[in-house]
Amino acid sequence: MEKNFKCISTFKISEFNTYTFVICKELKKNIEYITKLLNLDKVPKKLFDDYKLKSDFEKNLYTDNFEVSFIGLGGEGVNKCDNNNLYKTFGRLGRSVHHQNKKYFIHLIENDINIIKNQIVSYILGYYNFNEFKSDKIKDKTKICFYHPKKKIIKEVTSAIY
């Protein structure tokens, strides 16, 4: 299973089918960062109209070449970036992509090594499907790359995969 996962600090935009970003504070700043990172013209403002309702959300933006998934934790002024919420969210994300046969880009958030490792472990545990005794095993071609812009952090958290 390990060959399906890797940690990266650089990438080419054309590499992935789906880019996933978890946003738990500073929506406007994060949208600007994502727009620049993925070379998007702009993200429609209407997409995040309900963000001010102080509730969680999941939004998808489709382009000609890829999909961008935004997972919002809390609303404007609400910070739900604690380890527990991130752990649950990344586990749910892992369950949602099992056997999709796509290439996924998962943007890790926070700079605390332990929180980042927990995001990776939770994602992998959510993704994992025990099929040791099943006769109809499915060949899984899904590839998942965990991204963090800091190379030093990627070197330290890669151990969470193995």
C-alpha atoms as a PDB file:
ATOM      1  CA  MET A   1       0.000   0.000   0.000  1.00  0.00           C
ATOM      2  CA  GLU A   2       2.893   2.398   0.676  1.00  0.00           C
ATOM      3  CA  LYS A   3       3.556   2.893  -3.029  1.00  0.00           C
ATOM      4  CA  ASN A   4       0.239   4.756  -3.374  1.00  0.00           C
ATOM      5  CA  PHE A   5       1.367   7.535  -1.017  1.00  0.00           C
ATOM      6  CA  LYS A   6       4.194  10.027  -1.032  1.00  0.00           C
ATOM      7  CA  CYS A   7       5.085  13.441   0.375  1.00  0.00           C
ATOM      8  CA  ILE A   8       6.124  16.278  -1.911  1.00  0.00           C
ATOM      9  CA  SER A   9       7.133  19.917  -1.628  1.00  0.00           C
ATOM     10  CA  THR A  10       7.033  20.737  -5.361  1.00  0.00           C
ATOM     11  CA  PHE A  11       4.700  19.669  -8.160  1.00  0.00           C
ATOM     12  CA  LYS A  12       3.530  20.316 -11.697  1.00  0.00           C
ATOM     13  CA  ILE A  13      -0.082  21.404 -12.059  1.00  0.00           C
ATOM     14  CA  SER A  14      -0.823  18.824 -14.746  1.00  0.00           C
ATOM     15  CA  GLU A  15       0.157  15.923 -12.467  1.00  0.00           C
ATOM     16  CA  PHE A  16      -3.121  15.520 -10.571  1.00  0.00           C
ATOM     17  CA  ASN A  17      -6.835  15.022 -11.192  1.00  0.00           C
ATOM     18  CA  THR A  18      -7.977  16.465  -7.867  1.00  0.00           C
ATOM     19  CA  TYR A  19      -6.442  19.073  -5.580  1.00  0.00           C
ATOM     20  CA  THR A  20      -7.772  19.121  -2.012  1.00  0.00           C
ATOM     21  CA  PHE A  21      -7.383  22.016   0.402  1.00  0.00           C
ATOM     22  CA  VAL A  22      -8.596  22.186   3.987  1.00  0.00           C
ATOM     23  CA  ILE A  23      -9.363  25.733   5.095  1.00  0.00           C
ATOM     24  CA  CYS A  24      -9.962  26.495   8.739  1.00  0.00           C
ATOM     25  CA  LYS A  25      -9.055  30.161   9.026  1.00  0.00           C
ATOM     26  CA  GLU A  26      -8.422  33.230   6.865  1.00  0.00           C
ATOM     27  CA  LEU A  27     -10.535  32.220   3.873  1.00  0.00           C
ATOM     28  CA  LYS A  28      -9.586  35.170   1.677  1.00  0.00           C
ATOM     29  CA  LYS A  29      -5.862  34.678   2.267  1.00  0.00           C
ATOM     30  CA  ASN A  30      -6.161  30.940   1.566  1.00  0.00           C
ATOM     31  CA  ILE A  31      -8.127  31.473  -1.657  1.00  0.00           C
ATOM     32  CA  GLU A  32      -5.459  33.902  -2.899  1.00  0.00           C
ATOM     33  CA  TYR A  33      -2.752  31.360  -2.032  1.00  0.00           C
ATOM     34  CA  ILE A  34      -4.594  28.514  -3.815  1.00  0.00           C
ATOM     35  CA  THR A  35      -5.299  30.686  -6.870  1.00  0.00           C
ATOM     36  CA  LYS A  36      -1.600  31.526  -7.161  1.00  0.00           C
ATOM     37  CA  LEU A  37      -0.438  27.956  -6.406  1.00  0.00           C
ATOM     38  CA  LEU A  38      -2.652  26.406  -9.113  1.00  0.00           C
ATOM     39  CA  ASN A  39      -2.387  29.288 -11.618  1.00  0.00           C
ATOM     40  CA  LEU A  40      -6.150  29.813 -11.590  1.00  0.00           C
ATOM     41  CA  ASP A  41      -7.566  32.952 -13.174  1.00  0.00           C
ATOM     42  CA  LYS A  42      -9.823  33.467 -10.181  1.00  0.00           C
ATOM     43  CA  VAL A  43     -12.148  31.577  -7.893  1.00  0.00           C
ATOM     44  CA  PRO A  44     -15.814  32.659  -8.088  1.00  0.00           C
ATOM     45  CA  LYS A  45     -16.771  34.633  -4.970  1.00  0.00           C
ATOM     46  CA  LYS A  46     -20.262  33.087  -5.002  1.00  0.00           C
ATOM     47  CA  LEU A  47     -18.644  29.733  -4.237  1.00  0.00           C
ATOM     48  CA  PHE A  48     -18.030  30.848  -0.645  1.00  0.00           C
ATOM     49  CA  ASP A  49     -21.115  32.936   0.111  1.00  0.00           C
ATOM     50  CA  ASP A  50     -22.221  30.601   2.906  1.00  0.00           C
ATOM     51  CA  TYR A  51     -18.801  30.676   4.612  1.00  0.00           C
ATOM     52  CA  LYS A  52     -20.002  33.530   6.799  1.00  0.00           C
ATOM     53  CA  LEU A  53     -22.602  31.223   8.363  1.00  0.00           C
ATOM     54  CA  LYS A  54     -19.928  29.813  10.707  1.00  0.00           C
ATOM     55  CA  SER A  55     -20.441  26.248   9.560  1.00  0.00           C
ATOM     56  CA  ASP A  56     -18.341  23.600   7.841  1.00  0.00           C
ATOM     57  CA  PHE A  57     -18.548  23.277   4.068  1.00  0.00           C
ATOM     58  CA  GLU A  58     -17.327  21.256   1.091  1.00  0.00           C
ATOM     59  CA  LYS A  59     -17.073  22.981  -2.276  1.00  0.00           C
ATOM     60  CA  ASN A  60     -15.727  21.802  -5.615  1.00  0.00           C
ATOM     61  CA  LEU A  61     -14.405  23.913  -8.443  1.00  0.00           C
ATOM     62  CA  TYR A  62     -14.056  22.243 -11.833  1.00  0.00           C
ATOM     63  CA  THR A  63     -11.592  23.450 -14.448  1.00  0.00           C
ATOM     64  CA  ASP A  64     -10.827  22.046 -17.885  1.00  0.00           C
ATOM     65  CA  ASN A  65      -7.959  19.932 -16.552  1.00  0.00           C
ATOM     66  CA  PHE A  66      -8.620  19.219 -12.893  1.00  0.00           C
ATOM     67  CA  GLU A  67     -10.920  19.554  -9.892  1.00  0.00           C
ATOM     68  CA  VAL A  68     -10.246  21.621  -6.771  1.00  0.00           C
ATOM     69  CA  SER A  69     -11.929  20.552  -3.524  1.00  0.00           C
ATOM     70  CA  PHE A  70     -12.248  23.038  -0.702  1.00  0.00           C
ATOM     71  CA  ILE A  71     -13.025  21.646   2.744  1.00  0.00           C
ATOM     72  CA  GLY A  72     -13.943  24.400   5.191  1.00  0.00           C
ATOM     73  CA  LEU A  73     -13.854  23.941   8.938  1.00  0.00           C
ATOM     74  CA  GLY A  74     -15.903  26.614  10.656  1.00  0.00           C
ATOM     75  CA  GLY A  75     -16.802  29.976   9.241  1.00  0.00           C
ATOM     76  CA  GLU A  76     -15.373  33.463   9.285  1.00  0.00           C
ATOM     77  CA  GLY A  77     -13.913  34.184  12.721  1.00  0.00           C
ATOM     78  CA  VAL A  78     -14.158  30.544  13.865  1.00  0.00           C
ATOM     79  CA  ASN A  79     -10.893  28.625  14.163  1.00  0.00           C
ATOM     80  CA  LYS A  80     -11.337  24.847  14.055  1.00  0.00           C
ATOM     81  CA  CYS A  81      -7.711  24.029  13.227  1.00  0.00           C
ATOM     82  CA  ASP A  82      -7.166  21.888  16.296  1.00  0.00           C
ATOM     83  CA  ASN A  83      -5.617  18.449  16.007  1.00  0.00           C
ATOM     84  CA  ASN A  84      -8.895  16.595  16.696  1.00  0.00           C
ATOM     85  CA  ASN A  85     -10.894  18.362  13.939  1.00  0.00           C
ATOM     86  CA  LEU A  86      -8.077  17.962  11.429  1.00  0.00           C
ATOM     87  CA  TYR A  87      -7.710  14.265  12.301  1.00  0.00           C
ATOM     88  CA  LYS A  88     -11.429  13.623  11.709  1.00  0.00           C
ATOM     89  CA  THR A  89     -11.478  15.657   8.497  1.00  0.00           C
ATOM     90  CA  PHE A  90      -8.471  13.948   6.929  1.00  0.00           C
ATOM     91  CA  GLY A  91      -9.866  10.515   7.877  1.00  0.00           C
ATOM     92  CA  ARG A  92     -13.122  11.392   6.120  1.00  0.00           C
ATOM     93  CA  LEU A  93     -11.172  12.555   3.070  1.00  0.00           C
ATOM     94  CA  GLY A  94      -9.266   9.263   2.975  1.00  0.00           C
ATOM     95  CA  ARG A  95     -12.507   7.253   3.040  1.00  0.00           C
ATOM     96  CA  SER A  96     -13.969   9.313   0.207  1.00  0.00           C
ATOM     97  CA  VAL A  97     -11.249   8.577  -2.369  1.00  0.00           C
ATOM     98  CA  HIS A  98     -10.761   4.832  -1.929  1.00  0.00           C
ATOM     99  CA  HIS A  99     -10.373   3.030  -5.294  1.00  0.00           C
ATOM    100  CA  GLN A 100     -11.086   6.068  -7.461  1.00  0.00           C
ATOM    101  CA  ASN A 101      -8.055   5.372  -9.687  1.00  0.00           C
ATOM    102  CA  LYS A 102      -7.096   9.045  -9.809  1.00  0.00           C
ATOM    103  CA  LYS A 103      -4.139  11.143  -8.720  1.00  0.00           C
ATOM    104  CA  TYR A 104      -4.868  13.232  -5.626  1.00  0.00           C
ATOM    105  CA  PHE A 105      -3.015  16.234  -4.250  1.00  0.00           C
ATOM    106  CA  ILE A 106      -3.647  16.745  -0.535  1.00  0.00           C
ATOM    107  CA  HIS A 107      -2.463  20.044   0.902  1.00  0.00           C
ATOM    108  CA  LEU A 108      -1.316  19.613   4.503  1.00  0.00           C
ATOM    109  CA  ILE A 109      -1.946  22.512   6.845  1.00  0.00           C
ATOM    110  CA  GLU A 110      -0.239  23.809   9.978  1.00  0.00           C
ATOM    111  CA  ASN A 111       3.487  23.751  10.686  1.00  0.00           C
ATOM    112  CA  ASP A 112       3.539  21.516  13.765  1.00  0.00           C
ATOM    113  CA  ILE A 113       5.173  18.206  12.790  1.00  0.00           C
ATOM    114  CA  ASN A 114       2.901  16.096  15.018  1.00  0.00           C
ATOM    115  CA  ILE A 115      -0.289  17.677  13.667  1.00  0.00           C
ATOM    116  CA  ILE A 116       0.904  17.105  10.102  1.00  0.00           C
ATOM    117  CA  LYS A 117       1.805  13.478  10.853  1.00  0.00           C
ATOM    118  CA  ASN A 118      -1.652  12.983  12.345  1.00  0.00           C
ATOM    119  CA  GLN A 119      -3.227  14.370   9.166  1.00  0.00           C
ATOM    120  CA  ILE A 120      -1.297  11.825   7.075  1.00  0.00           C
ATOM    121  CA  VAL A 121      -1.965   8.885   9.402  1.00  0.00           C
ATOM    122  CA  SER A 122      -5.676   9.718   9.615  1.00  0.00           C
ATOM    123  CA  TYR A 123      -5.942   9.992   5.840  1.00  0.00           C
ATOM    124  CA  ILE A 124      -4.215   6.635   5.320  1.00  0.00           C
ATOM    125  CA  LEU A 125      -6.348   4.927   7.978  1.00  0.00           C
ATOM    126  CA  GLY A 126      -9.488   6.296   6.332  1.00  0.00           C
ATOM    127  CA  TYR A 127      -8.248   5.162   2.935  1.00  0.00           C
ATOM    128  CA  TYR A 128      -7.231   1.673   4.010  1.00  0.00           C
ATOM    129  CA  ASN A 129      -9.589  -1.199   3.236  1.00  0.00           C
ATOM    130  CA  PHE A 130      -8.869  -4.618   4.704  1.00  0.00           C
ATOM    131  CA  ASN A 131      -9.316  -7.184   1.957  1.00  0.00           C
ATOM    132  CA  GLU A 132      -6.919  -9.921   3.006  1.00  0.00           C
ATOM    133  CA  PHE A 133      -9.547 -12.675   2.841  1.00  0.00           C
ATOM    134  CA  LYS A 134     -11.643 -11.363  -0.036  1.00  0.00           C
ATOM    135  CA  SER A 135     -11.593 -13.253  -3.306  1.00  0.00           C
ATOM    136  CA  ASP A 136     -12.553 -10.271  -5.462  1.00  0.00           C
ATOM    137  CA  LYS A 137      -9.626  -7.938  -4.777  1.00  0.00           C
ATOM    138  CA  ILE A 138      -9.565  -4.685  -6.690  1.00  0.00           C
ATOM    139  CA  LYS A 139      -6.336  -3.407  -8.244  1.00  0.00           C
ATOM    140  CA  ASP A 140      -5.978   0.066  -6.779  1.00  0.00           C
ATOM    141  CA  LYS A 141      -4.306   2.615  -9.061  1.00  0.00           C
ATOM    142  CA  THR A 142      -5.077   5.633  -6.884  1.00  0.00           C
ATOM    143  CA  LYS A 143      -2.039   7.835  -6.185  1.00  0.00           C
ATOM    144  CA  ILE A 144      -2.024  10.296  -3.321  1.00  0.00           C
ATOM    145  CA  CYS A 145       0.564  12.990  -2.747  1.00  0.00           C
ATOM    146  CA  PHE A 146       0.683  14.943   0.475  1.00  0.00           C
ATOM    147  CA  TYR A 147       1.987  18.441  -0.139  1.00  0.00           C
ATOM    148  CA  HIS A 148       3.534  20.976   2.179  1.00  0.00           C
ATOM    149  CA  PRO A 149       5.484  23.949   0.837  1.00  0.00           C
ATOM    150  CA  LYS A 150       8.316  23.539   3.369  1.00  0.00           C
ATOM    151  CA  LYS A 151      10.837  20.884   2.316  1.00  0.00           C
ATOM    152  CA  LYS A 152      12.164  20.535   5.857  1.00  0.00           C
ATOM    153  CA  ILE A 153       8.705  19.517   7.107  1.00  0.00           C
ATOM    154  CA  ILE A 154       8.216  17.023   4.264  1.00  0.00           C
ATOM    155  CA  LYS A 155      11.485  15.294   5.147  1.00  0.00           C
ATOM    156  CA  GLU A 156      10.374  14.945   8.764  1.00  0.00           C
ATOM    157  CA  VAL A 157       6.795  13.749   8.132  1.00  0.00           C
ATOM    158  CA  THR A 158       7.533  11.221   5.386  1.00  0.00           C
ATOM    159  CA  SER A 159       8.018   8.639   8.176  1.00  0.00           C
ATOM    160  CA  ALA A 160       4.274   8.869   8.909  1.00  0.00           C
ATOM    161  CA  ILE A 161       3.556   7.038   5.652  1.00  0.00           C
ATOM    162  CA  TYR A 162       5.770   4.059   6.364  1.00  0.00           C
END
